[in-house]
């Protein structure tokens, strides 16, 4: 495997797009094409988790933190968190997953990252729309939806997932033990992302800590799109997008210099 990055200027203009598309089609076949219900399973997984949360918490509390629908409250929280988590995990393993394809001179490490990011982002956006539509039809919540905060909240998840995933792709590639450490560190992330509570219900000391989690901002923002009377005043778009852009920029710089070492391990 060559230690130098192919020069895009020496390749046809459409080569990067073709490489990314080829990698996306490869992953579609390997991830969702191995079984007849591949894409169906991508929809059933979040539905199953939302159902568990809905049934479990409806038995111990009278009403959710927002509104009257348990299923809508947990759907908006879990799907938002899941978008970040799925994208982060996909990008994290991008170089390892596409290592064989990166032996071809016209496919570079950035193609592998972008292909996994784009495919999983498009897949989960589709899942989000299908599940939320099903919830609104099934539960008949008569919710008045505001699209803009939902889109911005999901964008925060997408860019945060890309940034955190790229940083972990770098760290795991250089220090494999980091994968185990990261899994341990992020076990509380499900709770810390506001899936089962809202930020305003937490003690002030806890709020001061959790505020630094961009996924919590995304969850609050998405929920404002479903609950007209809810105003997540703690949300900072400046912080969330600055957090993501700084991670992405740093990871790009480091991966540009270290990708050969990572791939040759």
C-alpha atoms as a PDB file:
ATOM      1  CA  UNK A   1       0.000   0.000   0.000  1.00  0.00           C
ATOM      2  CA  UNK A   2       1.412   3.370  -0.957  1.00  0.00           C
ATOM      3  CA  UNK A   3       2.257   5.776   1.832  1.00  0.00           C
ATOM      4  CA  UNK A   4       1.478   8.801  -0.318  1.00  0.00           C
ATOM      5  CA  UNK A   5      -1.921  10.265  -0.975  1.00  0.00           C
ATOM      6  CA  UNK A   6      -2.977  10.261  -4.645  1.00  0.00           C
ATOM      7  CA  UNK A   7      -3.137  13.724  -6.163  1.00  0.00           C
ATOM      8  CA  UNK A   8      -6.659  14.607  -7.218  1.00  0.00           C
ATOM      9  CA  UNK A   9      -5.321  16.989  -9.825  1.00  0.00           C
ATOM     10  CA  UNK A  10      -3.931  14.031 -11.779  1.00  0.00           C
ATOM     11  CA  UNK A  11      -7.334  12.317 -11.917  1.00  0.00           C
ATOM     12  CA  UNK A  12     -10.538  12.995 -13.887  1.00  0.00           C
ATOM     13  CA  UNK A  13     -12.790  15.576 -12.222  1.00  0.00           C
ATOM     14  CA  UNK A  14     -15.519  13.048 -11.372  1.00  0.00           C
ATOM     15  CA  UNK A  15     -13.172  10.492  -9.810  1.00  0.00           C
ATOM     16  CA  UNK A  16     -13.868  11.514  -6.177  1.00  0.00           C
ATOM     17  CA  UNK A  17     -17.637  11.286  -6.700  1.00  0.00           C
ATOM     18  CA  UNK A  18     -17.328   7.913  -8.409  1.00  0.00           C
ATOM     19  CA  UNK A  19     -15.129   6.591  -5.617  1.00  0.00           C
ATOM     20  CA  UNK A  20     -17.526   7.763  -2.913  1.00  0.00           C
ATOM     21  CA  UNK A  21     -20.529   6.349  -4.776  1.00  0.00           C
ATOM     22  CA  UNK A  22     -18.789   3.008  -5.277  1.00  0.00           C
ATOM     23  CA  UNK A  23     -17.969   2.806  -1.569  1.00  0.00           C
ATOM     24  CA  UNK A  24     -21.554   3.721  -0.661  1.00  0.00           C
ATOM     25  CA  UNK A  25     -22.949   1.001  -2.936  1.00  0.00           C
ATOM     26  CA  UNK A  26     -20.491  -1.504  -1.485  1.00  0.00           C
ATOM     27  CA  UNK A  27     -21.618  -0.733   2.049  1.00  0.00           C
ATOM     28  CA  UNK A  28     -25.292  -0.845   1.086  1.00  0.00           C
ATOM     29  CA  UNK A  29     -24.746  -4.350  -0.199  1.00  0.00           C
ATOM     30  CA  UNK A  30     -22.686  -5.577   2.740  1.00  0.00           C
ATOM     31  CA  UNK A  31     -24.623  -3.882   5.537  1.00  0.00           C
ATOM     32  CA  UNK A  32     -28.213  -4.012   4.336  1.00  0.00           C
ATOM     33  CA  UNK A  33     -28.099  -6.491   1.466  1.00  0.00           C
ATOM     34  CA  UNK A  34     -26.926  -9.611   3.304  1.00  0.00           C
ATOM     35  CA  UNK A  35     -30.431 -10.319   4.602  1.00  0.00           C
ATOM     36  CA  UNK A  36     -33.877  -9.769   3.019  1.00  0.00           C
ATOM     37  CA  UNK A  37     -34.939  -7.481   5.855  1.00  0.00           C
ATOM     38  CA  UNK A  38     -31.796  -5.347   5.944  1.00  0.00           C
ATOM     39  CA  UNK A  39     -33.411  -1.940   5.642  1.00  0.00           C
ATOM     40  CA  UNK A  40     -36.529  -3.089   7.480  1.00  0.00           C
ATOM     41  CA  UNK A  41     -34.313  -3.897  10.452  1.00  0.00           C
ATOM     42  CA  UNK A  42     -32.912  -0.357  10.358  1.00  0.00           C
ATOM     43  CA  UNK A  43     -36.479   0.857  10.976  1.00  0.00           C
ATOM     44  CA  UNK A  44     -37.505  -1.836  13.464  1.00  0.00           C
ATOM     45  CA  UNK A  45     -34.519  -1.259  15.775  1.00  0.00           C
ATOM     46  CA  UNK A  46     -35.447   2.287  16.838  1.00  0.00           C
ATOM     47  CA  UNK A  47     -39.142   1.366  16.937  1.00  0.00           C
ATOM     48  CA  UNK A  48     -38.357  -1.454  19.366  1.00  0.00           C
ATOM     49  CA  UNK A  49     -36.304   0.791  21.642  1.00  0.00           C
ATOM     50  CA  UNK A  50     -38.933   3.534  21.589  1.00  0.00           C
ATOM     51  CA  UNK A  51     -41.602   0.978  22.466  1.00  0.00           C
ATOM     52  CA  UNK A  52     -39.553  -0.285  25.435  1.00  0.00           C
ATOM     53  CA  UNK A  53     -39.021   3.243  26.752  1.00  0.00           C
ATOM     54  CA  UNK A  54     -42.690   4.110  26.257  1.00  0.00           C
ATOM     55  CA  UNK A  55     -44.059   1.053  28.034  1.00  0.00           C
ATOM     56  CA  UNK A  56     -41.463   1.121  30.804  1.00  0.00           C
ATOM     57  CA  UNK A  57     -41.826   4.753  31.794  1.00  0.00           C
ATOM     58  CA  UNK A  58     -45.595   4.892  31.320  1.00  0.00           C
ATOM     59  CA  UNK A  59     -45.851   2.298  34.084  1.00  0.00           C
ATOM     60  CA  UNK A  60     -43.938   4.355  36.636  1.00  0.00           C
ATOM     61  CA  UNK A  61     -44.799   7.992  35.835  1.00  0.00           C
ATOM     62  CA  UNK A  62     -48.112   9.631  34.963  1.00  0.00           C
ATOM     63  CA  UNK A  63     -46.964  11.777  32.058  1.00  0.00           C
ATOM     64  CA  UNK A  64     -43.777  12.551  30.107  1.00  0.00           C
ATOM     65  CA  UNK A  65     -41.736  15.690  30.708  1.00  0.00           C
ATOM     66  CA  UNK A  66     -43.365  17.321  27.663  1.00  0.00           C
ATOM     67  CA  UNK A  67     -46.897  16.889  26.363  1.00  0.00           C
ATOM     68  CA  UNK A  68     -49.060  13.855  27.029  1.00  0.00           C
ATOM     69  CA  UNK A  69     -47.674  11.334  24.545  1.00  0.00           C
ATOM     70  CA  UNK A  70     -44.969   9.040  25.907  1.00  0.00           C
ATOM     71  CA  UNK A  71     -44.204   7.612  22.485  1.00  0.00           C
ATOM     72  CA  UNK A  72     -43.676  11.026  20.849  1.00  0.00           C
ATOM     73  CA  UNK A  73     -41.484  12.269  23.693  1.00  0.00           C
ATOM     74  CA  UNK A  74     -39.184   9.243  23.641  1.00  0.00           C
ATOM     75  CA  UNK A  75     -39.187   9.037  19.841  1.00  0.00           C
ATOM     76  CA  UNK A  76     -37.951  12.610  19.480  1.00  0.00           C
ATOM     77  CA  UNK A  77     -35.217  12.019  22.054  1.00  0.00           C
ATOM     78  CA  UNK A  78     -34.072   8.551  21.036  1.00  0.00           C
ATOM     79  CA  UNK A  79     -34.029   9.204  17.286  1.00  0.00           C
ATOM     80  CA  UNK A  80     -31.980  12.365  17.747  1.00  0.00           C
ATOM     81  CA  UNK A  81     -29.436  10.583  19.939  1.00  0.00           C
ATOM     82  CA  UNK A  82     -29.377   7.608  17.570  1.00  0.00           C
ATOM     83  CA  UNK A  83     -28.497   9.789  14.601  1.00  0.00           C
ATOM     84  CA  UNK A  84     -25.392  11.066  16.369  1.00  0.00           C
ATOM     85  CA  UNK A  85     -24.449   7.636  17.686  1.00  0.00           C
ATOM     86  CA  UNK A  86     -24.922   5.843  14.376  1.00  0.00           C
ATOM     87  CA  UNK A  87     -22.951   8.404  12.377  1.00  0.00           C
ATOM     88  CA  UNK A  88     -20.173   8.534  14.954  1.00  0.00           C
ATOM     89  CA  UNK A  89     -19.792   4.750  14.960  1.00  0.00           C
ATOM     90  CA  UNK A  90     -19.884   4.561  11.159  1.00  0.00           C
ATOM     91  CA  UNK A  91     -17.185   7.210  10.680  1.00  0.00           C
ATOM     92  CA  UNK A  92     -15.099   5.793  13.518  1.00  0.00           C
ATOM     93  CA  UNK A  93     -14.680   2.493  11.646  1.00  0.00           C
ATOM     94  CA  UNK A  94     -14.471   3.957   8.126  1.00  0.00           C
ATOM     95  CA  UNK A  95     -10.780   3.316   7.454  1.00  0.00           C
ATOM     96  CA  UNK A  96     -10.861  -0.159   8.952  1.00  0.00           C
ATOM     97  CA  UNK A  97     -14.002  -1.076   7.018  1.00  0.00           C
ATOM     98  CA  UNK A  98     -12.729   0.173   3.643  1.00  0.00           C
ATOM     99  CA  UNK A  99      -9.075  -0.773   4.052  1.00  0.00           C
ATOM    100  CA  UNK A 100      -9.147  -3.231   1.140  1.00  0.00           C
ATOM    101  CA  UNK A 101     -10.668  -0.649  -1.202  1.00  0.00           C
ATOM    102  CA  UNK A 102      -8.034   1.918  -0.225  1.00  0.00           C
ATOM    103  CA  UNK A 103      -5.403  -0.214  -1.946  1.00  0.00           C
ATOM    104  CA  UNK A 104      -6.724   1.204  -5.232  1.00  0.00           C
ATOM    105  CA  UNK A 105      -4.824   4.389  -6.159  1.00  0.00           C
ATOM    106  CA  UNK A 106      -7.964   6.356  -7.059  1.00  0.00           C
ATOM    107  CA  UNK A 107      -9.623   5.751  -3.685  1.00  0.00           C
ATOM    108  CA  UNK A 108      -8.276   7.807  -0.789  1.00  0.00           C
ATOM    109  CA  UNK A 109      -8.984   7.757   2.940  1.00  0.00           C
ATOM    110  CA  UNK A 110     -11.290  10.778   2.763  1.00  0.00           C
ATOM    111  CA  UNK A 111     -13.513   8.947   0.264  1.00  0.00           C
ATOM    112  CA  UNK A 112     -14.030   6.159   2.806  1.00  0.00           C
ATOM    113  CA  UNK A 113     -15.039   8.589   5.555  1.00  0.00           C
ATOM    114  CA  UNK A 114     -17.383  10.627   3.356  1.00  0.00           C
ATOM    115  CA  UNK A 115     -19.006   7.513   1.877  1.00  0.00           C
ATOM    116  CA  UNK A 116     -19.887   6.058   5.281  1.00  0.00           C
ATOM    117  CA  UNK A 117     -21.005   9.418   6.589  1.00  0.00           C
ATOM    118  CA  UNK A 118     -23.276  10.208   3.622  1.00  0.00           C
ATOM    119  CA  UNK A 119     -24.830   6.744   3.398  1.00  0.00           C
ATOM    120  CA  UNK A 120     -25.603   6.534   7.105  1.00  0.00           C
ATOM    121  CA  UNK A 121     -26.855  10.127   7.242  1.00  0.00           C
ATOM    122  CA  UNK A 122     -29.257   9.554   4.335  1.00  0.00           C
ATOM    123  CA  UNK A 123     -30.366   6.211   5.775  1.00  0.00           C
ATOM    124  CA  UNK A 124     -31.083   7.616   9.205  1.00  0.00           C
ATOM    125  CA  UNK A 125     -32.857  10.711   7.878  1.00  0.00           C
ATOM    126  CA  UNK A 126     -35.175   8.333   6.031  1.00  0.00           C
ATOM    127  CA  UNK A 127     -35.677   6.232   9.161  1.00  0.00           C
ATOM    128  CA  UNK A 128     -36.366   9.377  11.196  1.00  0.00           C
ATOM    129  CA  UNK A 129     -39.075  10.533   8.784  1.00  0.00           C
ATOM    130  CA  UNK A 130     -40.714   7.094   8.593  1.00  0.00           C
ATOM    131  CA  UNK A 131     -40.741   6.496  12.353  1.00  0.00           C
ATOM    132  CA  UNK A 132     -41.938   9.994  13.261  1.00  0.00           C
ATOM    133  CA  UNK A 133     -44.686   9.808  10.634  1.00  0.00           C
ATOM    134  CA  UNK A 134     -45.753   6.455  12.061  1.00  0.00           C
ATOM    135  CA  UNK A 135     -45.788   7.853  15.598  1.00  0.00           C
ATOM    136  CA  UNK A 136     -47.907  10.853  14.606  1.00  0.00           C
ATOM    137  CA  UNK A 137     -50.386   8.653  12.734  1.00  0.00           C
ATOM    138  CA  UNK A 138     -50.535   5.949  15.405  1.00  0.00           C
ATOM    139  CA  UNK A 139     -50.803   8.231  18.431  1.00  0.00           C
ATOM    140  CA  UNK A 140     -52.828  11.026  16.793  1.00  0.00           C
ATOM    141  CA  UNK A 141     -51.106  13.683  18.915  1.00  0.00           C
ATOM    142  CA  UNK A 142     -52.346  16.542  16.704  1.00  0.00           C
ATOM    143  CA  UNK A 143     -48.868  17.998  16.984  1.00  0.00           C
ATOM    144  CA  UNK A 144     -48.118  21.222  15.114  1.00  0.00           C
ATOM    145  CA  UNK A 145     -44.646  20.654  13.664  1.00  0.00           C
ATOM    146  CA  UNK A 146     -42.084  23.398  13.047  1.00  0.00           C
ATOM    147  CA  UNK A 147     -39.578  22.059  10.538  1.00  0.00           C
ATOM    148  CA  UNK A 148     -36.679  24.494  10.966  1.00  0.00           C
ATOM    149  CA  UNK A 149     -35.533  23.580  14.506  1.00  0.00           C
ATOM    150  CA  UNK A 150     -35.853  19.887  13.664  1.00  0.00           C
ATOM    151  CA  UNK A 151     -33.583  20.265  10.639  1.00  0.00           C
ATOM    152  CA  UNK A 152     -31.041  22.345  12.564  1.00  0.00           C
ATOM    153  CA  UNK A 153     -31.066  19.867  15.464  1.00  0.00           C
ATOM    154  CA  UNK A 154     -30.417  16.947  13.133  1.00  0.00           C
ATOM    155  CA  UNK A 155     -27.629  18.921  11.430  1.00  0.00           C
ATOM    156  CA  UNK A 156     -25.972  19.329  14.827  1.00  0.00           C
ATOM    157  CA  UNK A 157     -26.121  15.552  15.254  1.00  0.00           C
ATOM    158  CA  UNK A 158     -24.708  14.980  11.787  1.00  0.00           C
ATOM    159  CA  UNK A 159     -21.726  17.317  12.137  1.00  0.00           C
ATOM    160  CA  UNK A 160     -21.049  16.290  15.743  1.00  0.00           C
ATOM    161  CA  UNK A 161     -21.165  12.630  14.722  1.00  0.00           C
ATOM    162  CA  UNK A 162     -18.746  13.325  11.872  1.00  0.00           C
ATOM    163  CA  UNK A 163     -16.333  15.273  14.072  1.00  0.00           C
ATOM    164  CA  UNK A 164     -16.341  12.880  17.024  1.00  0.00           C
ATOM    165  CA  UNK A 165     -16.193   9.896  14.662  1.00  0.00           C
ATOM    166  CA  UNK A 166     -13.157  11.274  12.812  1.00  0.00           C
ATOM    167  CA  UNK A 167     -11.311  12.028  16.040  1.00  0.00           C
ATOM    168  CA  UNK A 168     -11.972   8.485  17.256  1.00  0.00           C
ATOM    169  CA  UNK A 169     -10.985   7.071  13.879  1.00  0.00           C
ATOM    170  CA  UNK A 170      -7.627   8.797  14.365  1.00  0.00           C
ATOM    171  CA  UNK A 171      -7.167   7.795  18.001  1.00  0.00           C
ATOM    172  CA  UNK A 172      -8.228   4.170  17.545  1.00  0.00           C
ATOM    173  CA  UNK A 173      -5.996   3.881  14.494  1.00  0.00           C
ATOM    174  CA  UNK A 174      -2.988   5.099  16.476  1.00  0.00           C
ATOM    175  CA  UNK A 175      -3.904   3.638  19.879  1.00  0.00           C
ATOM    176  CA  UNK A 176      -6.230   0.587  19.506  1.00  0.00           C
ATOM    177  CA  UNK A 177      -6.883   0.471  23.264  1.00  0.00           C
ATOM    178  CA  UNK A 178      -8.752   3.766  22.909  1.00  0.00           C
ATOM    179  CA  UNK A 179     -11.712   1.876  21.413  1.00  0.00           C
ATOM    180  CA  UNK A 180     -12.291   0.077  24.731  1.00  0.00           C
ATOM    181  CA  UNK A 181     -11.775   3.270  26.729  1.00  0.00           C
ATOM    182  CA  UNK A 182     -14.214   5.190  24.512  1.00  0.00           C
ATOM    183  CA  UNK A 183     -16.925   2.568  24.928  1.00  0.00           C
ATOM    184  CA  UNK A 184     -16.615   2.831  28.705  1.00  0.00           C
ATOM    185  CA  UNK A 185     -16.584   6.635  28.702  1.00  0.00           C
ATOM    186  CA  UNK A 186     -19.675   6.937  26.508  1.00  0.00           C
ATOM    187  CA  UNK A 187     -21.963   4.491  28.303  1.00  0.00           C
ATOM    188  CA  UNK A 188     -23.743   7.350  30.145  1.00  0.00           C
ATOM    189  CA  UNK A 189     -24.190   9.301  26.878  1.00  0.00           C
ATOM    190  CA  UNK A 190     -27.688   7.880  26.325  1.00  0.00           C
ATOM    191  CA  UNK A 191     -28.855   9.452  29.585  1.00  0.00           C
ATOM    192  CA  UNK A 192     -26.703  12.580  29.203  1.00  0.00           C
ATOM    193  CA  UNK A 193     -28.250  13.384  25.821  1.00  0.00           C
ATOM    194  CA  UNK A 194     -31.718  14.131  27.163  1.00  0.00           C
ATOM    195  CA  UNK A 195     -33.459  11.068  25.771  1.00  0.00           C
ATOM    196  CA  UNK A 196     -35.494  10.367  28.921  1.00  0.00           C
ATOM    197  CA  UNK A 197     -35.561  13.828  30.498  1.00  0.00           C
ATOM    198  CA  UNK A 198     -35.356  17.495  29.584  1.00  0.00           C
ATOM    199  CA  UNK A 199     -32.479  19.759  30.517  1.00  0.00           C
ATOM    200  CA  UNK A 200     -34.663  22.083  32.591  1.00  0.00           C
ATOM    201  CA  UNK A 201     -35.646  19.294  35.028  1.00  0.00           C
ATOM    202  CA  UNK A 202     -32.047  18.628  36.061  1.00  0.00           C
ATOM    203  CA  UNK A 203     -30.326  20.198  39.124  1.00  0.00           C
ATOM    204  CA  UNK A 204     -28.209  23.242  38.300  1.00  0.00           C
ATOM    205  CA  UNK A 205     -24.925  21.433  38.958  1.00  0.00           C
ATOM    206  CA  UNK A 206     -25.875  18.667  36.531  1.00  0.00           C
ATOM    207  CA  UNK A 207     -27.006  21.232  33.968  1.00  0.00           C
ATOM    208  CA  UNK A 208     -23.605  22.922  34.096  1.00  0.00           C
ATOM    209  CA  UNK A 209     -21.918  19.621  33.207  1.00  0.00           C
ATOM    210  CA  UNK A 210     -24.373  18.330  30.609  1.00  0.00           C
ATOM    211  CA  UNK A 211     -24.503  21.649  28.766  1.00  0.00           C
ATOM    212  CA  UNK A 212     -21.195  20.788  27.101  1.00  0.00           C
ATOM    213  CA  UNK A 213     -22.765  17.801  25.351  1.00  0.00           C
ATOM    214  CA  UNK A 214     -23.833  19.030  21.867  1.00  0.00           C
ATOM    215  CA  UNK A 215     -26.261  16.123  21.471  1.00  0.00           C
ATOM    216  CA  UNK A 216     -28.258  17.486  24.413  1.00  0.00           C
ATOM    217  CA  UNK A 217     -28.599  20.772  22.521  1.00  0.00           C
ATOM    218  CA  UNK A 218     -29.743  18.873  19.433  1.00  0.00           C
ATOM    219  CA  UNK A 219     -32.334  16.916  21.396  1.00  0.00           C
ATOM    220  CA  UNK A 220     -33.758  20.085  22.922  1.00  0.00           C
ATOM    221  CA  UNK A 221     -33.841  21.829  19.561  1.00  0.00           C
ATOM    222  CA  UNK A 222     -35.585  18.930  17.812  1.00  0.00           C
ATOM    223  CA  UNK A 223     -38.196  18.797  20.559  1.00  0.00           C
ATOM    224  CA  UNK A 224     -38.977  22.492  20.128  1.00  0.00           C
ATOM    225  CA  UNK A 225     -40.102  21.548  16.630  1.00  0.00           C
ATOM    226  CA  UNK A 226     -42.701  19.154  18.050  1.00  0.00           C
ATOM    227  CA  UNK A 227     -43.749  21.057  21.176  1.00  0.00           C
ATOM    228  CA  UNK A 228     -44.732  24.668  20.348  1.00  0.00           C
ATOM    229  CA  UNK A 229     -44.813  25.650  24.030  1.00  0.00           C
ATOM    230  CA  UNK A 230     -41.332  24.325  24.761  1.00  0.00           C
ATOM    231  CA  UNK A 231     -38.414  26.747  24.415  1.00  0.00           C
ATOM    232  CA  UNK A 232     -34.978  25.206  24.888  1.00  0.00           C
ATOM    233  CA  UNK A 233     -33.295  28.462  25.884  1.00  0.00           C
ATOM    234  CA  UNK A 234     -30.058  26.689  26.796  1.00  0.00           C
ATOM    235  CA  UNK A 235     -29.339  25.717  23.177  1.00  0.00           C
ATOM    236  CA  UNK A 236     -26.289  27.435  21.659  1.00  0.00           C
ATOM    237  CA  UNK A 237     -25.899  26.989  17.909  1.00  0.00           C
ATOM    238  CA  UNK A 238     -22.571  28.818  18.035  1.00  0.00           C
ATOM    239  CA  UNK A 239     -21.141  26.317  20.504  1.00  0.00           C
ATOM    240  CA  UNK A 240     -22.541  23.247  18.749  1.00  0.00           C
ATOM    241  CA  UNK A 241     -21.276  24.105  15.268  1.00  0.00           C
ATOM    242  CA  UNK A 242     -17.958  25.497  16.541  1.00  0.00           C
ATOM    243  CA  UNK A 243     -17.443  22.250  18.489  1.00  0.00           C
ATOM    244  CA  UNK A 244     -18.078  20.188  15.356  1.00  0.00           C
ATOM    245  CA  UNK A 245     -16.007  22.319  12.957  1.00  0.00           C
ATOM    246  CA  UNK A 246     -12.994  22.402  15.277  1.00  0.00           C
ATOM    247  CA  UNK A 247     -13.057  18.609  15.674  1.00  0.00           C
ATOM    248  CA  UNK A 248     -13.472  18.058  11.929  1.00  0.00           C
ATOM    249  CA  UNK A 249     -10.678  20.471  11.024  1.00  0.00           C
ATOM    250  CA  UNK A 250      -8.274  18.981  13.571  1.00  0.00           C
ATOM    251  CA  UNK A 251      -9.125  15.419  12.557  1.00  0.00           C
ATOM    252  CA  UNK A 252      -8.659  16.223   8.850  1.00  0.00           C
ATOM    253  CA  UNK A 253      -5.238  17.696   9.524  1.00  0.00           C
ATOM    254  CA  UNK A 254      -4.101  14.775  11.658  1.00  0.00           C
ATOM    255  CA  UNK A 255      -5.552  12.074   9.419  1.00  0.00           C
ATOM    256  CA  UNK A 256      -3.917  13.670   6.396  1.00  0.00           C
ATOM    257  CA  UNK A 257      -0.554  13.122   8.105  1.00  0.00           C
ATOM    258  CA  UNK A 258      -1.267   9.828   9.891  1.00  0.00           C
ATOM    259  CA  UNK A 259      -3.589   7.892   7.581  1.00  0.00           C
ATOM    260  CA  UNK A 260      -0.774   5.846   6.017  1.00  0.00           C
ATOM    261  CA  UNK A 261       0.447   4.748   9.445  1.00  0.00           C
ATOM    262  CA  UNK A 262      -3.081   3.792  10.463  1.00  0.00           C
ATOM    263  CA  UNK A 263      -3.747   1.819   7.264  1.00  0.00           C
ATOM    264  CA  UNK A 264      -0.426  -0.019   7.428  1.00  0.00           C
ATOM    265  CA  UNK A 265      -1.032  -1.332  10.956  1.00  0.00           C
END
